[in-house]
Amino acid sequence: MSNRMMISRENQPIPCEKCGQPSLHVARLVGGDGALLGQTMVCTECHHRRSESGPERTP
């Protein structure tokens, strides 16, 4: 099983500095065995927009 990112819906999101929407969450990074690997901040609005526009290209 691969690693997963889990967002708790119990915590209130905060405004994202990039898009301004109240959609910035603390996400737990969980390994395939269920062990906590770490935490990160993820904006669900920016992530949704990025997935709709396709992969980002770098020069």
PDB file of N, CA and C in Angstrom:
ATOM      1  N   MET A   1       0.848  -1.182   0.000  1.00  0.00           N
ATOM      2  CA  MET A   1       0.000   0.000   0.000  1.00  0.00           C
ATOM      3  C   MET A   1       0.894   1.246   0.000  1.00  0.00           C
ATOM      4  N   SER A   2       0.498   2.287  -0.678  1.00  0.00           N
ATOM      5  CA  SER A   2       1.305   3.500  -0.797  1.00  0.00           C
ATOM      6  C   SER A   2       1.009   4.490   0.328  1.00  0.00           C
ATOM      7  N   ASN A   3       1.820   5.529   0.383  1.00  0.00           N
ATOM      8  CA  ASN A   3       1.618   6.588   1.373  1.00  0.00           C
ATOM      9  C   ASN A   3       0.368   7.379   1.032  1.00  0.00           C
ATOM     10  N   ARG A   4      -0.250   7.960   2.078  1.00  0.00           N
ATOM     11  CA  ARG A   4      -1.473   8.743   1.887  1.00  0.00           C
ATOM     12  C   ARG A   4      -1.360  10.073   2.614  1.00  0.00           C
ATOM     13  N   MET A   5      -2.157  11.021   2.168  1.00  0.00           N
ATOM     14  CA  MET A   5      -2.290  12.298   2.837  1.00  0.00           C
ATOM     15  C   MET A   5      -3.706  12.352   3.390  1.00  0.00           C
ATOM     16  N   MET A   6      -3.837  12.552   4.696  1.00  0.00           N
ATOM     17  CA  MET A   6      -5.150  12.555   5.332  1.00  0.00           C
ATOM     18  C   MET A   6      -5.433  13.926   5.933  1.00  0.00           C
ATOM     19  N   ILE A   7      -6.587  14.501   5.550  1.00  0.00           N
ATOM     20  CA  ILE A   7      -7.006  15.812   6.044  1.00  0.00           C
ATOM     21  C   ILE A   7      -8.145  15.603   7.022  1.00  0.00           C
ATOM     22  N   SER A   8      -7.993  16.138   8.226  1.00  0.00           N
ATOM     23  CA  SER A   8      -9.041  16.042   9.233  1.00  0.00           C
ATOM     24  C   SER A   8     -10.110  17.092   8.947  1.00  0.00           C
ATOM     25  N   ARG A   9     -11.334  16.671   8.849  1.00  0.00           N
ATOM     26  CA  ARG A   9     -12.435  17.607   8.617  1.00  0.00           C
ATOM     27  C   ARG A   9     -12.925  18.235   9.923  1.00  0.00           C
ATOM     28  N   GLU A  10     -12.366  17.803  11.060  1.00  0.00           N
ATOM     29  CA  GLU A  10     -12.755  18.354  12.357  1.00  0.00           C
ATOM     30  C   GLU A  10     -12.142  19.730  12.596  1.00  0.00           C
ATOM     31  N   ASN A  11     -10.953  19.984  12.046  1.00  0.00           N
ATOM     32  CA  ASN A  11     -10.278  21.267  12.224  1.00  0.00           C
ATOM     33  C   ASN A  11     -10.777  22.268  11.194  1.00  0.00           C
ATOM     34  N   GLN A  12     -10.861  23.513  11.606  1.00  0.00           N
ATOM     35  CA  GLN A  12     -11.304  24.572  10.710  1.00  0.00           C
ATOM     36  C   GLN A  12     -10.151  25.000   9.802  1.00  0.00           C
ATOM     37  N   PRO A  13     -10.397  25.119   8.490  1.00  0.00           N
ATOM     38  CA  PRO A  13      -9.344  25.596   7.589  1.00  0.00           C
ATOM     39  C   PRO A  13      -9.087  27.080   7.796  1.00  0.00           C
ATOM     40  N   ILE A  14      -7.915  27.523   7.377  1.00  0.00           N
ATOM     41  CA  ILE A  14      -7.559  28.932   7.472  1.00  0.00           C
ATOM     42  C   ILE A  14      -7.365  29.478   6.066  1.00  0.00           C
ATOM     43  N   PRO A  15      -7.359  30.810   5.894  1.00  0.00           N
ATOM     44  CA  PRO A  15      -7.171  31.385   4.558  1.00  0.00           C
ATOM     45  C   PRO A  15      -5.782  31.069   3.993  1.00  0.00           C
ATOM     46  N   CYS A  16      -5.753  30.706   2.732  1.00  0.00           N
ATOM     47  CA  CYS A  16      -4.506  30.408   2.025  1.00  0.00           C
ATOM     48  C   CYS A  16      -3.870  31.721   1.577  1.00  0.00           C
ATOM     49  N   GLU A  17      -2.552  31.834   1.740  1.00  0.00           N
ATOM     50  CA  GLU A  17      -1.848  33.043   1.312  1.00  0.00           C
ATOM     51  C   GLU A  17      -1.818  33.175  -0.206  1.00  0.00           C
ATOM     52  N   LYS A  18      -1.879  32.060  -0.920  1.00  0.00           N
ATOM     53  CA  LYS A  18      -1.774  32.085  -2.381  1.00  0.00           C
ATOM     54  C   LYS A  18      -3.104  32.439  -3.049  1.00  0.00           C
ATOM     55  N   CYS A  19      -4.202  31.731  -2.678  1.00  0.00           N
ATOM     56  CA  CYS A  19      -5.481  31.945  -3.371  1.00  0.00           C
ATOM     57  C   CYS A  19      -6.472  32.779  -2.556  1.00  0.00           C
ATOM     58  N   GLY A  20      -6.224  32.950  -1.247  1.00  0.00           N
ATOM     59  CA  GLY A  20      -7.098  33.763  -0.412  1.00  0.00           C
ATOM     60  C   GLY A  20      -8.335  33.038   0.114  1.00  0.00           C
ATOM     61  N   GLN A  21      -8.576  31.821  -0.336  1.00  0.00           N
ATOM     62  CA  GLN A  21      -9.748  31.058   0.102  1.00  0.00           C
ATOM     63  C   GLN A  21      -9.485  30.410   1.467  1.00  0.00           C
ATOM     64  N   PRO A  22     -10.512  30.259   2.280  1.00  0.00           N
ATOM     65  CA  PRO A  22     -10.338  29.588   3.582  1.00  0.00           C
ATOM     66  C   PRO A  22     -10.290  28.071   3.391  1.00  0.00           C
ATOM     67  N   SER A  23      -9.216  27.582   2.790  1.00  0.00           N
ATOM     68  CA  SER A  23      -9.132  26.164   2.433  1.00  0.00           C
ATOM     69  C   SER A  23      -7.761  25.552   2.733  1.00  0.00           C
ATOM     70  N   LEU A  24      -6.999  26.166   3.633  1.00  0.00           N
ATOM     71  CA  LEU A  24      -5.692  25.647   4.013  1.00  0.00           C
ATOM     72  C   LEU A  24      -5.850  24.748   5.230  1.00  0.00           C
ATOM     73  N   HIS A  25      -5.441  23.482   5.083  1.00  0.00           N
ATOM     74  CA  HIS A  25      -5.621  22.468   6.120  1.00  0.00           C
ATOM     75  C   HIS A  25      -4.274  21.887   6.546  1.00  0.00           C
ATOM     76  N   VAL A  26      -4.217  21.362   7.774  1.00  0.00           N
ATOM     77  CA  VAL A  26      -3.090  20.551   8.212  1.00  0.00           C
ATOM     78  C   VAL A  26      -3.397  19.131   7.767  1.00  0.00           C
ATOM     79  N   ALA A  27      -2.467  18.520   7.037  1.00  0.00           N
ATOM     80  CA  ALA A  27      -2.653  17.154   6.554  1.00  0.00           C
ATOM     81  C   ALA A  27      -1.594  16.252   7.180  1.00  0.00           C
ATOM     82  N   ARG A  28      -2.014  15.049   7.546  1.00  0.00           N
ATOM     83  CA  ARG A  28      -1.078  14.054   8.071  1.00  0.00           C
ATOM     84  C   ARG A  28      -0.605  13.182   6.922  1.00  0.00           C
ATOM     85  N   LEU A  29       0.690  12.923   6.853  1.00  0.00           N
ATOM     86  CA  LEU A  29       1.251  12.006   5.867  1.00  0.00           C
ATOM     87  C   LEU A  29       1.385  10.654   6.547  1.00  0.00           C
ATOM     88  N   VAL A  30       0.690   9.652   6.014  1.00  0.00           N
ATOM     89  CA  VAL A  30       0.613   8.340   6.633  1.00  0.00           C
ATOM     90  C   VAL A  30       1.183   7.300   5.678  1.00  0.00           C
ATOM     91  N   GLY A  31       2.063   6.434   6.201  1.00  0.00           N
ATOM     92  CA  GLY A  31       2.660   5.372   5.403  1.00  0.00           C
ATOM     93  C   GLY A  31       1.683   4.244   5.161  1.00  0.00           C
ATOM     94  N   GLY A  32       2.040   3.334   4.279  1.00  0.00           N
ATOM     95  CA  GLY A  32       1.203   2.194   3.941  1.00  0.00           C
ATOM     96  C   GLY A  32       0.878   1.318   5.130  1.00  0.00           C
ATOM     97  N   ASP A  33       1.754   1.325   6.135  1.00  0.00           N
ATOM     98  CA  ASP A  33       1.521   0.523   7.331  1.00  0.00           C
ATOM     99  C   ASP A  33       0.741   1.278   8.405  1.00  0.00           C
ATOM    100  N   GLY A  34       0.324   2.517   8.105  1.00  0.00           N
ATOM    101  CA  GLY A  34      -0.451   3.320   9.052  1.00  0.00           C
ATOM    102  C   GLY A  34       0.391   4.198   9.950  1.00  0.00           C
ATOM    103  N   ALA A  35       1.718   4.148   9.818  1.00  0.00           N
ATOM    104  CA  ALA A  35       2.601   4.957  10.649  1.00  0.00           C
ATOM    105  C   ALA A  35       2.586   6.414  10.182  1.00  0.00           C
ATOM    106  N   LEU A  36       2.583   7.333  11.137  1.00  0.00           N
ATOM    107  CA  LEU A  36       2.620   8.763  10.832  1.00  0.00           C
ATOM    108  C   LEU A  36       4.021   9.122  10.345  1.00  0.00           C
ATOM    109  N   LEU A  37       4.116   9.668   9.137  1.00  0.00           N
ATOM    110  CA  LEU A  37       5.390  10.063   8.555  1.00  0.00           C
ATOM    111  C   LEU A  37       5.689  11.534   8.788  1.00  0.00           C
ATOM    112  N   GLY A  38       4.657  12.345   8.965  1.00  0.00           N
ATOM    113  CA  GLY A  38       4.838  13.771   9.176  1.00  0.00           C
ATOM    114  C   GLY A  38       3.555  14.522   8.916  1.00  0.00           C
ATOM    115  N   GLN A  39       3.659  15.834   8.924  1.00  0.00           N
ATOM    116  CA  GLN A  39       2.510  16.693   8.658  1.00  0.00           C
ATOM    117  C   GLN A  39       2.926  17.767   7.670  1.00  0.00           C
ATOM    118  N   THR A  40       1.943  18.280   6.944  1.00  0.00           N
ATOM    119  CA  THR A  40       2.183  19.366   5.998  1.00  0.00           C
ATOM    120  C   THR A  40       0.927  20.217   5.903  1.00  0.00           C
ATOM    121  N   MET A  41       1.054  21.375   5.305  1.00  0.00           N
ATOM    122  CA  MET A  41      -0.094  22.229   5.050  1.00  0.00           C
ATOM    123  C   MET A  41      -0.490  22.032   3.586  1.00  0.00           C
ATOM    124  N   VAL A  42      -1.789  21.897   3.325  1.00  0.00           N
ATOM    125  CA  VAL A  42      -2.263  21.716   1.953  1.00  0.00           C
ATOM    126  C   VAL A  42      -3.516  22.576   1.746  1.00  0.00           C
ATOM    127  N   CYS A  43      -3.536  23.293   0.641  1.00  0.00           N
ATOM    128  CA  CYS A  43      -4.707  24.087   0.271  1.00  0.00           C
ATOM    129  C   CYS A  43      -5.529  23.256  -0.701  1.00  0.00           C
ATOM    130  N   THR A  44      -6.722  22.900  -0.319  1.00  0.00           N
ATOM    131  CA  THR A  44      -7.552  22.065  -1.174  1.00  0.00           C
ATOM    132  C   THR A  44      -8.030  22.833  -2.405  1.00  0.00           C
ATOM    133  N   GLU A  45      -8.169  24.132  -2.320  1.00  0.00           N
ATOM    134  CA  GLU A  45      -8.586  24.944  -3.473  1.00  0.00           C
ATOM    135  C   GLU A  45      -7.467  25.020  -4.507  1.00  0.00           C
ATOM    136  N   CYS A  46      -6.259  25.315  -4.095  1.00  0.00           N
ATOM    137  CA  CYS A  46      -5.120  25.378  -5.022  1.00  0.00           C
ATOM    138  C   CYS A  46      -4.853  24.003  -5.616  1.00  0.00           C
ATOM    139  N   HIS A  47      -4.952  22.960  -4.808  1.00  0.00           N
ATOM    140  CA  HIS A  47      -4.726  21.593  -5.284  1.00  0.00           C
ATOM    141  C   HIS A  47      -5.762  21.218  -6.344  1.00  0.00           C
ATOM    142  N   HIS A  48      -7.009  21.593  -6.120  1.00  0.00           N
ATOM    143  CA  HIS A  48      -8.082  21.300  -7.073  1.00  0.00           C
ATOM    144  C   HIS A  48      -7.838  22.024  -8.398  1.00  0.00           C
ATOM    145  N   ARG A  49      -7.470  23.277  -8.345  1.00  0.00           N
ATOM    146  CA  ARG A  49      -7.189  24.053  -9.564  1.00  0.00           C
ATOM    147  C   ARG A  49      -6.015  23.465 -10.323  1.00  0.00           C
ATOM    148  N   ARG A  50      -4.963  23.059  -9.596  1.00  0.00           N
ATOM    149  CA  ARG A  50      -3.772  22.509 -10.231  1.00  0.00           C
ATOM    150  C   ARG A  50      -4.092  21.199 -10.935  1.00  0.00           C
ATOM    151  N   SER A  51      -4.927  20.360 -10.313  1.00  0.00           N
ATOM    152  CA  SER A  51      -5.263  19.077 -10.935  1.00  0.00           C
ATOM    153  C   SER A  51      -6.140  19.272 -12.174  1.00  0.00           C
ATOM    154  N   GLU A  52      -6.958  20.333 -12.229  1.00  0.00           N
ATOM    155  CA  GLU A  52      -7.783  20.599 -13.397  1.00  0.00           C
ATOM    156  C   GLU A  52      -6.967  21.131 -14.559  1.00  0.00           C
ATOM    157  N   SER A  53      -5.899  21.878 -14.263  1.00  0.00           N
ATOM    158  CA  SER A  53      -5.113  22.500 -15.335  1.00  0.00           C
ATOM    159  C   SER A  53      -4.056  21.563 -15.901  1.00  0.00           C
ATOM    160  N   GLY A  54      -3.847  20.415 -15.286  1.00  0.00           N
ATOM    161  CA  GLY A  54      -2.850  19.470 -15.778  1.00  0.00           C
ATOM    162  C   GLY A  54      -1.524  19.660 -15.082  1.00  0.00           C
ATOM    163  N   PRO A  55      -0.510  18.898 -15.500  1.00  0.00           N
ATOM    164  CA  PRO A  55       0.789  18.989 -14.835  1.00  0.00           C
ATOM    165  C   PRO A  55       1.463  20.324 -15.081  1.00  0.00           C
ATOM    166  N   GLU A  56       2.167  20.806 -14.041  1.00  0.00           N
ATOM    167  CA  GLU A  56       2.900  22.055 -14.179  1.00  0.00           C
ATOM    168  C   GLU A  56       4.181  21.805 -14.958  1.00  0.00           C
ATOM    169  N   ARG A  57       4.554  22.773 -15.767  1.00  0.00           N
ATOM    170  CA  ARG A  57       5.784  22.649 -16.535  1.00  0.00           C
ATOM    171  C   ARG A  57       6.769  23.679 -16.025  1.00  0.00           C
ATOM    172  N   THR A  58       8.022  23.247 -15.917  1.00  0.00           N
ATOM    173  CA  THR A  58       9.060  24.165 -15.494  1.00  0.00           C
ATOM    174  C   THR A  58      10.003  24.422 -16.663  1.00  0.00           C
ATOM    175  N   PRO A  59      10.473  25.659 -16.818  1.00  0.00           N
ATOM    176  CA  PRO A  59      11.353  25.999 -17.938  1.00  0.00           C
ATOM    177  C   PRO A  59      12.713  25.363 -17.805  1.00  0.00           C
TER     178      PRO A  59
END
